[in-house]
Structures are given as structure tokens and as C-alpha cells.
Amino acid sequence: TSVRRSKGRLIQPVTDSSFNAWTKYYKQDENA
């Protein structure tokens, strides 16, 4: 469910999420 509700899954590969953990994942905003 958690993955399904994340629209980010449709634009961000999981390896990109890892690489950008320093900014995107750990600094999530309302559009995350």
C-alpha cells in the first residue's frame, strides 16, 4: 500500500531515490 500510494514510484527509480537520499528522501516536502 505504501508503495502504491507513492506517485513518486512512477517518476523516480529506486536507485535514484537512493542516490538522492541526501536531498530528496531526507528533505521531503509536501510534494514528496
PDB file of all heavy atoms in Angstrom:
ATOM      1  N   THR A   1       0.831  -1.207   0.000  1.00  0.00           N
ATOM      2  CA  THR A   1       0.000   0.000   0.000  1.00  0.00           C
ATOM      3  C   THR A   1       0.860   1.249   0.000  1.00  0.00           C
ATOM      4  O   THR A   1       0.596   2.219  -0.727  1.00  0.00           O
ATOM      5  CB  THR A   1      -0.927   0.007   1.219  1.00  0.00           C
ATOM      6  OG1 THR A   1      -1.822  -1.102   1.132  1.00  0.00           O
ATOM      7  CG2 THR A   1      -1.739   1.296   1.292  1.00  0.00           C
ATOM      8  N   SER A   2       1.887   1.256   0.825  1.00  0.00           N
ATOM      9  CA  SER A   2       2.762   2.416   0.921  1.00  0.00           C
ATOM     10  C   SER A   2       3.389   2.755  -0.424  1.00  0.00           C
ATOM     11  O   SER A   2       3.448   3.929  -0.817  1.00  0.00           O
ATOM     12  CB  SER A   2       3.859   2.148   1.960  1.00  0.00           C
ATOM     13  OG  SER A   2       4.746   3.221   2.053  1.00  0.00           O
ATOM     14  N   VAL A   3       3.842   1.747  -1.142  1.00  0.00           N
ATOM     15  CA  VAL A   3       4.441   1.986  -2.455  1.00  0.00           C
ATOM     16  C   VAL A   3       3.372   2.420  -3.451  1.00  0.00           C
ATOM     17  O   VAL A   3       3.586   3.343  -4.247  1.00  0.00           O
ATOM     18  CB  VAL A   3       5.170   0.726  -2.951  1.00  0.00           C
ATOM     19  CG1 VAL A   3       5.693   0.922  -4.369  1.00  0.00           C
ATOM     20  CG2 VAL A   3       6.316   0.382  -2.006  1.00  0.00           C
ATOM     21  N   ARG A   4       2.215   1.795  -3.405  1.00  0.00           N
ATOM     22  CA  ARG A   4       1.134   2.117  -4.337  1.00  0.00           C
ATOM     23  C   ARG A   4       0.689   3.568  -4.190  1.00  0.00           C
ATOM     24  O   ARG A   4       0.366   4.237  -5.186  1.00  0.00           O
ATOM     25  CB  ARG A   4      -0.050   1.179  -4.079  1.00  0.00           C
ATOM     26  CG  ARG A   4      -1.229   1.373  -5.014  1.00  0.00           C
ATOM     27  CD  ARG A   4      -0.979   0.776  -6.379  1.00  0.00           C
ATOM     28  NE  ARG A   4      -2.188   0.724  -7.180  1.00  0.00           N
ATOM     29  CZ  ARG A   4      -2.320   0.032  -8.299  1.00  0.00           C
ATOM     30  NH1 ARG A   4      -1.308  -0.693  -8.736  1.00  0.00           N
ATOM     31  NH2 ARG A   4      -3.453   0.031  -8.973  1.00  0.00           N
ATOM     32  N   ARG A   5       0.647   4.068  -2.968  1.00  0.00           N
ATOM     33  CA  ARG A   5       0.188   5.439  -2.733  1.00  0.00           C
ATOM     34  C   ARG A   5       1.252   6.475  -3.061  1.00  0.00           C
ATOM     35  O   ARG A   5       0.957   7.674  -3.064  1.00  0.00           O
ATOM     36  CB  ARG A   5      -0.263   5.579  -1.274  1.00  0.00           C
ATOM     37  CG  ARG A   5      -1.531   4.828  -0.978  1.00  0.00           C
ATOM     38  CD  ARG A   5      -1.984   5.019   0.454  1.00  0.00           C
ATOM     39  NE  ARG A   5      -3.172   4.216   0.732  1.00  0.00           N
ATOM     40  CZ  ARG A   5      -3.729   4.081   1.931  1.00  0.00           C
ATOM     41  NH1 ARG A   5      -3.194   4.710   2.976  1.00  0.00           N
ATOM     42  NH2 ARG A   5      -4.807   3.328   2.095  1.00  0.00           N
ATOM     43  N   SER A   6       2.455   6.031  -3.306  1.00  0.00           N
ATOM     44  CA  SER A   6       3.529   6.943  -3.675  1.00  0.00           C
ATOM     45  C   SER A   6       3.526   7.155  -5.182  1.00  0.00           C
ATOM     46  O   SER A   6       3.928   6.273  -5.943  1.00  0.00           O
ATOM     47  CB  SER A   6       4.878   6.379  -3.231  1.00  0.00           C
ATOM     48  OG  SER A   6       5.929   7.129  -3.772  1.00  0.00           O
ATOM     49  N   LYS A   7       3.064   8.317  -5.622  1.00  0.00           N
ATOM     50  CA  LYS A   7       3.091   8.613  -7.061  1.00  0.00           C
ATOM     51  C   LYS A   7       4.519   8.791  -7.555  1.00  0.00           C
ATOM     52  O   LYS A   7       4.782   8.722  -8.759  1.00  0.00           O
ATOM     53  CB  LYS A   7       2.274   9.864  -7.351  1.00  0.00           C
ATOM     54  CG  LYS A   7       0.859   9.823  -6.802  1.00  0.00           C
ATOM     55  CD  LYS A   7       0.077   8.637  -7.304  1.00  0.00           C
ATOM     56  CE  LYS A   7      -1.309   8.583  -6.680  1.00  0.00           C
ATOM     57  NZ  LYS A   7      -2.035   7.358  -7.013  1.00  0.00           N
ATOM     58  N   GLY A   8       5.434   9.009  -6.599  1.00  0.00           N
ATOM     59  CA  GLY A   8       6.831   9.129  -6.963  1.00  0.00           C
ATOM     60  C   GLY A   8       7.379   7.870  -7.599  1.00  0.00           C
ATOM     61  O   GLY A   8       8.386   7.928  -8.315  1.00  0.00           O
ATOM     62  N   ARG A   9       6.746   6.733  -7.366  1.00  0.00           N
ATOM     63  CA  ARG A   9       7.209   5.476  -7.957  1.00  0.00           C
ATOM     64  C   ARG A   9       7.131   5.526  -9.478  1.00  0.00           C
ATOM     65  O   ARG A   9       7.811   4.748 -10.170  1.00  0.00           O
ATOM     66  CB  ARG A   9       6.378   4.305  -7.434  1.00  0.00           C
ATOM     67  CG  ARG A   9       5.003   4.164  -8.065  1.00  0.00           C
ATOM     68  CD  ARG A   9       4.158   3.080  -7.424  1.00  0.00           C
ATOM     69  NE  ARG A   9       2.977   2.758  -8.220  1.00  0.00           N
ATOM     70  CZ  ARG A   9       1.861   3.477  -8.253  1.00  0.00           C
ATOM     71  NH1 ARG A   9       1.762   4.568  -7.505  1.00  0.00           N
ATOM     72  NH2 ARG A   9       0.852   3.107  -9.019  1.00  0.00           N
ATOM     73  N   LEU A  10       6.283   6.410 -10.006  1.00  0.00           N
ATOM     74  CA  LEU A  10       6.065   6.499 -11.451  1.00  0.00           C
ATOM     75  C   LEU A  10       7.050   7.433 -12.135  1.00  0.00           C
ATOM     76  O   LEU A  10       7.088   7.493 -13.366  1.00  0.00           O
ATOM     77  CB  LEU A  10       4.635   6.970 -11.742  1.00  0.00           C
ATOM     78  CG  LEU A  10       3.523   6.097 -11.148  1.00  0.00           C
ATOM     79  CD1 LEU A  10       2.167   6.728 -11.399  1.00  0.00           C
ATOM     80  CD2 LEU A  10       3.583   4.690 -11.730  1.00  0.00           C
ATOM     81  N   ILE A  11       7.859   8.161 -11.338  1.00  0.00           N
ATOM     82  CA  ILE A  11       8.817   9.091 -11.946  1.00  0.00           C
ATOM     83  C   ILE A  11      10.237   8.918 -11.412  1.00  0.00           C
ATOM     84  O   ILE A  11      11.172   9.448 -12.004  1.00  0.00           O
ATOM     85  CB  ILE A  11       8.385  10.560 -11.761  1.00  0.00           C
ATOM     86  CG1 ILE A  11       8.382  10.946 -10.284  1.00  0.00           C
ATOM     87  CG2 ILE A  11       7.042  10.835 -12.390  1.00  0.00           C
ATOM     88  CD1 ILE A  11       8.182  12.429 -10.065  1.00  0.00           C
ATOM     89  N   GLN A  12      10.413   8.187 -10.315  1.00  0.00           N
ATOM     90  CA  GLN A  12      11.742   8.050  -9.721  1.00  0.00           C
ATOM     91  C   GLN A  12      12.098   6.578  -9.521  1.00  0.00           C
ATOM     92  O   GLN A  12      11.464   5.879  -8.740  1.00  0.00           O
ATOM     93  CB  GLN A  12      11.820   8.782  -8.370  1.00  0.00           C
ATOM     94  CG  GLN A  12      13.216   8.769  -7.765  1.00  0.00           C
ATOM     95  CD  GLN A  12      13.240   9.359  -6.368  1.00  0.00           C
ATOM     96  OE1 GLN A  12      12.415   9.038  -5.522  1.00  0.00           O
ATOM     97  NE2 GLN A  12      14.218  10.235  -6.113  1.00  0.00           N
ATOM     98  N   PRO A  13      13.133   6.076 -10.206  1.00  0.00           N
ATOM     99  CA  PRO A  13      13.606   4.708  -9.945  1.00  0.00           C
ATOM    100  C   PRO A  13      14.135   4.596  -8.519  1.00  0.00           C
ATOM    101  O   PRO A  13      14.587   5.575  -7.925  1.00  0.00           O
ATOM    102  CB  PRO A  13      14.731   4.517 -10.969  1.00  0.00           C
ATOM    103  CG  PRO A  13      14.484   5.554 -12.020  1.00  0.00           C
ATOM    104  CD  PRO A  13      13.879   6.718 -11.303  1.00  0.00           C
ATOM    105  N   VAL A  14      14.110   3.405  -7.973  1.00  0.00           N
ATOM    106  CA  VAL A  14      14.526   3.214  -6.585  1.00  0.00           C
ATOM    107  C   VAL A  14      16.017   3.498  -6.401  1.00  0.00           C
ATOM    108  O   VAL A  14      16.442   3.972  -5.332  1.00  0.00           O
ATOM    109  CB  VAL A  14      14.163   1.788  -6.116  1.00  0.00           C
ATOM    110  CG1 VAL A  14      15.020   0.732  -6.797  1.00  0.00           C
ATOM    111  CG2 VAL A  14      14.259   1.673  -4.607  1.00  0.00           C
ATOM    112  N   THR A  15      16.831   3.266  -7.443  1.00  0.00           N
ATOM    113  CA  THR A  15      18.254   3.582  -7.343  1.00  0.00           C
ATOM    114  C   THR A  15      18.478   5.093  -7.318  1.00  0.00           C
ATOM    115  O   THR A  15      19.417   5.586  -6.677  1.00  0.00           O
ATOM    116  CB  THR A  15      19.035   2.961  -8.508  1.00  0.00           C
ATOM    117  OG1 THR A  15      18.323   3.217  -9.741  1.00  0.00           O
ATOM    118  CG2 THR A  15      19.178   1.460  -8.335  1.00  0.00           C
ATOM    119  N   ASP A  16      17.628   5.836  -8.004  1.00  0.00           N
ATOM    120  CA  ASP A  16      17.707   7.298  -7.963  1.00  0.00           C
ATOM    121  C   ASP A  16      17.303   7.813  -6.587  1.00  0.00           C
ATOM    122  O   ASP A  16      17.885   8.763  -6.064  1.00  0.00           O
ATOM    123  CB  ASP A  16      16.796   7.900  -9.037  1.00  0.00           C
ATOM    124  CG  ASP A  16      16.841   9.419  -9.056  1.00  0.00           C
ATOM    125  OD1 ASP A  16      17.804   9.973  -9.604  1.00  0.00           O
ATOM    126  OD2 ASP A  16      15.914  10.064  -8.508  1.00  0.00           O
ATOM    127  N   SER A  17      16.295   7.180  -5.976  1.00  0.00           N
ATOM    128  CA  SER A  17      15.902   7.541  -4.617  1.00  0.00           C
ATOM    129  C   SER A  17      17.073   7.358  -3.666  1.00  0.00           C
ATOM    130  O   SER A  17      17.311   8.199  -2.783  1.00  0.00           O
ATOM    131  CB  SER A  17      14.718   6.688  -4.165  1.00  0.00           C
ATOM    132  OG  SER A  17      14.386   6.947  -2.819  1.00  0.00           O
ATOM    133  N   SER A  18      17.821   6.269  -3.839  1.00  0.00           N
ATOM    134  CA  SER A  18      18.994   6.020  -3.010  1.00  0.00           C
ATOM    135  C   SER A  18      20.060   7.079  -3.233  1.00  0.00           C
ATOM    136  O   SER A  18      20.588   7.663  -2.281  1.00  0.00           O
ATOM    137  CB  SER A  18      19.561   4.633  -3.327  1.00  0.00           C
ATOM    138  OG  SER A  18      20.813   4.432  -2.708  1.00  0.00           O
ATOM    139  N   PHE A  19      20.380   7.352  -4.472  1.00  0.00           N
ATOM    140  CA  PHE A  19      21.446   8.301  -4.790  1.00  0.00           C
ATOM    141  C   PHE A  19      21.122   9.695  -4.264  1.00  0.00           C
ATOM    142  O   PHE A  19      22.001  10.421  -3.800  1.00  0.00           O
ATOM    143  CB  PHE A  19      21.652   8.343  -6.308  1.00  0.00           C
ATOM    144  CG  PHE A  19      22.941   8.990  -6.726  1.00  0.00           C
ATOM    145  CD1 PHE A  19      24.115   8.264  -6.755  1.00  0.00           C
ATOM    146  CD2 PHE A  19      22.982  10.329  -7.081  1.00  0.00           C
ATOM    147  CE1 PHE A  19      25.321   8.860  -7.140  1.00  0.00           C
ATOM    148  CE2 PHE A  19      24.170  10.939  -7.458  1.00  0.00           C
ATOM    149  CZ  PHE A  19      25.349  10.199  -7.489  1.00  0.00           C
ATOM    150  N   ASN A  20      19.859  10.067  -4.324  1.00  0.00           N
ATOM    151  CA  ASN A  20      19.424  11.391  -3.889  1.00  0.00           C
ATOM    152  C   ASN A  20      18.841  11.395  -2.481  1.00  0.00           C
ATOM    153  O   ASN A  20      18.099  12.310  -2.117  1.00  0.00           O
ATOM    154  CB  ASN A  20      18.402  11.952  -4.876  1.00  0.00           C
ATOM    155  CG  ASN A  20      19.042  12.356  -6.191  1.00  0.00           C
ATOM    156  OD1 ASN A  20      19.751  13.352  -6.270  1.00  0.00           O
ATOM    157  ND2 ASN A  20      18.812  11.563  -7.235  1.00  0.00           N
ATOM    158  N   ALA A  21      19.197  10.394  -1.683  1.00  0.00           N
ATOM    159  CA  ALA A  21      18.707  10.340  -0.310  1.00  0.00           C
ATOM    160  C   ALA A  21      19.067  11.603   0.461  1.00  0.00           C
ATOM    161  O   ALA A  21      18.302  12.074   1.306  1.00  0.00           O
ATOM    162  CB  ALA A  21      19.288   9.121   0.401  1.00  0.00           C
ATOM    163  N   TRP A  22      20.219  12.165   0.151  1.00  0.00           N
ATOM    164  CA  TRP A  22      20.725  13.332   0.879  1.00  0.00           C
ATOM    165  C   TRP A  22      19.836  14.554   0.720  1.00  0.00           C
ATOM    166  O   TRP A  22      19.852  15.441   1.593  1.00  0.00           O
ATOM    167  CB  TRP A  22      22.133  13.662   0.373  1.00  0.00           C
ATOM    168  CG  TRP A  22      23.072  12.528   0.567  1.00  0.00           C
ATOM    169  CD1 TRP A  22      23.353  11.521  -0.311  1.00  0.00           C
ATOM    170  CD2 TRP A  22      23.852  12.261   1.730  1.00  0.00           C
ATOM    171  NE1 TRP A  22      24.260  10.649   0.225  1.00  0.00           N
ATOM    172  CE2 TRP A  22      24.588  11.082   1.484  1.00  0.00           C
ATOM    173  CE3 TRP A  22      24.010  12.907   2.951  1.00  0.00           C
ATOM    174  CZ2 TRP A  22      25.460  10.539   2.413  1.00  0.00           C
ATOM    175  CZ3 TRP A  22      24.881  12.374   3.886  1.00  0.00           C
ATOM    176  CH2 TRP A  22      25.598  11.191   3.614  1.00  0.00           C
ATOM    177  N   THR A  23      19.109  14.621  -0.338  1.00  0.00           N
ATOM    178  CA  THR A  23      18.275  15.799  -0.581  1.00  0.00           C
ATOM    179  C   THR A  23      16.800  15.434  -0.659  1.00  0.00           C
ATOM    180  O   THR A  23      15.999  15.889   0.144  1.00  0.00           O
ATOM    181  CB  THR A  23      18.717  16.502  -1.879  1.00  0.00           C
ATOM    182  OG1 THR A  23      18.766  15.533  -2.947  1.00  0.00           O
ATOM    183  CG2 THR A  23      20.082  17.134  -1.713  1.00  0.00           C
ATOM    184  N   LYS A  24      16.449  14.571  -1.589  1.00  0.00           N
ATOM    185  CA  LYS A  24      15.027  14.311  -1.823  1.00  0.00           C
ATOM    186  C   LYS A  24      14.390  13.464  -0.723  1.00  0.00           C
ATOM    187  O   LYS A  24      13.332  13.806  -0.197  1.00  0.00           O
ATOM    188  CB  LYS A  24      14.832  13.651  -3.191  1.00  0.00           C
ATOM    189  CG  LYS A  24      15.119  14.574  -4.357  1.00  0.00           C
ATOM    190  CD  LYS A  24      14.753  13.935  -5.693  1.00  0.00           C
ATOM    191  CE  LYS A  24      14.972  14.909  -6.839  1.00  0.00           C
ATOM    192  NZ  LYS A  24      14.575  14.312  -8.148  1.00  0.00           N
ATOM    193  N   TYR A  25      15.030  12.340  -0.360  1.00  0.00           N
ATOM    194  CA  TYR A  25      14.372  11.457   0.598  1.00  0.00           C
ATOM    195  C   TYR A  25      14.404  12.034   2.013  1.00  0.00           C
ATOM    196  O   TYR A  25      13.413  11.998   2.734  1.00  0.00           O
ATOM    197  CB  TYR A  25      14.992  10.056   0.588  1.00  0.00           C
ATOM    198  CG  TYR A  25      14.219   9.101   1.467  1.00  0.00           C
ATOM    199  CD1 TYR A  25      13.033   8.534   1.024  1.00  0.00           C
ATOM    200  CD2 TYR A  25      14.638   8.816   2.765  1.00  0.00           C
ATOM    201  CE1 TYR A  25      12.290   7.698   1.830  1.00  0.00           C
ATOM    202  CE2 TYR A  25      13.902   7.983   3.582  1.00  0.00           C
ATOM    203  CZ  TYR A  25      12.729   7.429   3.114  1.00  0.00           C
ATOM    204  OH  TYR A  25      11.969   6.613   3.927  1.00  0.00           O
ATOM    205  N   TYR A  26      15.546  12.546   2.430  1.00  0.00           N
ATOM    206  CA  TYR A  26      15.673  13.045   3.799  1.00  0.00           C
ATOM    207  C   TYR A  26      15.188  14.485   3.962  1.00  0.00           C
ATOM    208  O   TYR A  26      15.137  14.975   5.093  1.00  0.00           O
ATOM    209  CB  TYR A  26      17.118  12.914   4.280  1.00  0.00           C
ATOM    210  CG  TYR A  26      17.371  11.604   4.986  1.00  0.00           C
ATOM    211  CD1 TYR A  26      17.808  10.484   4.298  1.00  0.00           C
ATOM    212  CD2 TYR A  26      17.141  11.477   6.350  1.00  0.00           C
ATOM    213  CE1 TYR A  26      18.021   9.276   4.946  1.00  0.00           C
ATOM    214  CE2 TYR A  26      17.352  10.278   7.011  1.00  0.00           C
ATOM    215  CZ  TYR A  26      17.789   9.178   6.302  1.00  0.00           C
ATOM    216  OH  TYR A  26      17.991   7.988   6.957  1.00  0.00           O
ATOM    217  N   LYS A  27      14.851  15.139   2.872  1.00  0.00           N
ATOM    218  CA  LYS A  27      14.342  16.510   2.952  1.00  0.00           C
ATOM    219  C   LYS A  27      13.021  16.618   2.199  1.00  0.00           C
ATOM    220  O   LYS A  27      12.832  17.477   1.349  1.00  0.00           O
ATOM    221  CB  LYS A  27      15.373  17.492   2.396  1.00  0.00           C
ATOM    222  CG  LYS A  27      16.677  17.518   3.172  1.00  0.00           C
ATOM    223  CD  LYS A  27      17.654  18.530   2.599  1.00  0.00           C
ATOM    224  CE  LYS A  27      18.955  18.565   3.387  1.00  0.00           C
ATOM    225  NZ  LYS A  27      19.931  19.543   2.839  1.00  0.00           N
ATOM    226  N   GLN A  28      12.115  15.731   2.546  1.00  0.00           N
ATOM    227  CA  GLN A  28      10.844  15.685   1.827  1.00  0.00           C
ATOM    228  C   GLN A  28       9.976  16.891   2.162  1.00  0.00           C
ATOM    229  O   GLN A  28       9.920  17.343   3.305  1.00  0.00           O
ATOM    230  CB  GLN A  28      10.108  14.395   2.166  1.00  0.00           C
ATOM    231  CG  GLN A  28      10.840  13.151   1.685  1.00  0.00           C
ATOM    232  CD  GLN A  28      10.044  11.874   1.867  1.00  0.00           C
ATOM    233  OE1 GLN A  28       8.821  11.891   1.803  1.00  0.00           O
ATOM    234  NE2 GLN A  28      10.734  10.765   2.068  1.00  0.00           N
ATOM    235  N   ASP A  29       9.285  17.380   1.148  1.00  0.00           N
ATOM    236  CA  ASP A  29       8.338  18.466   1.334  1.00  0.00           C
ATOM    237  C   ASP A  29       6.938  17.963   1.015  1.00  0.00           C
ATOM    238  O   ASP A  29       6.703  16.753   0.873  1.00  0.00           O
ATOM    239  CB  ASP A  29       8.710  19.680   0.473  1.00  0.00           C
ATOM    240  CG  ASP A  29       8.770  19.345  -1.030  1.00  0.00           C
ATOM    241  OD1 ASP A  29       8.207  18.305  -1.439  1.00  0.00           O
ATOM    242  OD2 ASP A  29       9.380  20.126  -1.780  1.00  0.00           O
ATOM    243  N   GLU A  30       6.005  18.878   0.905  1.00  0.00           N
ATOM    244  CA  GLU A  30       4.601  18.498   0.699  1.00  0.00           C
ATOM    245  C   GLU A  30       4.365  17.806  -0.642  1.00  0.00           C
ATOM    246  O   GLU A  30       3.367  17.107  -0.816  1.00  0.00           O
ATOM    247  CB  GLU A  30       3.701  19.737   0.813  1.00  0.00           C
ATOM    248  CG  GLU A  30       3.905  20.789  -0.267  1.00  0.00           C
ATOM    249  CD  GLU A  30       5.144  21.646  -0.056  1.00  0.00           C
ATOM    250  OE1 GLU A  30       5.702  21.620   1.066  1.00  0.00           O
ATOM    251  OE2 GLU A  30       5.559  22.325  -1.012  1.00  0.00           O
ATOM    252  N   ASN A  31       5.303  17.968  -1.590  1.00  0.00           N
ATOM    253  CA  ASN A  31       5.130  17.320  -2.890  1.00  0.00           C
ATOM    254  C   ASN A  31       5.814  15.961  -2.956  1.00  0.00           C
ATOM    255  O   ASN A  31       5.750  15.292  -3.983  1.00  0.00           O
ATOM    256  CB  ASN A  31       5.676  18.234  -4.006  1.00  0.00           C
ATOM    257  CG  ASN A  31       5.291  17.747  -5.389  1.00  0.00           C
ATOM    258  OD1 ASN A  31       4.121  17.463  -5.660  1.00  0.00           O
ATOM    259  ND2 ASN A  31       6.258  17.637  -6.277  1.00  0.00           N
ATOM    260  N   ALA A  32       6.424  15.528  -1.884  1.00  0.00           N
ATOM    261  CA  ALA A  32       7.152  14.263  -1.892  1.00  0.00           C
ATOM    262  C   ALA A  32       6.295  13.070  -2.327  1.00  0.00           C
ATOM    263  O   ALA A  32       6.784  12.208  -3.054  1.00  0.00           O
ATOM    264  CB  ALA A  32       7.771  14.004  -0.520  1.00  0.00           C
TER     265      ALA A  32
END
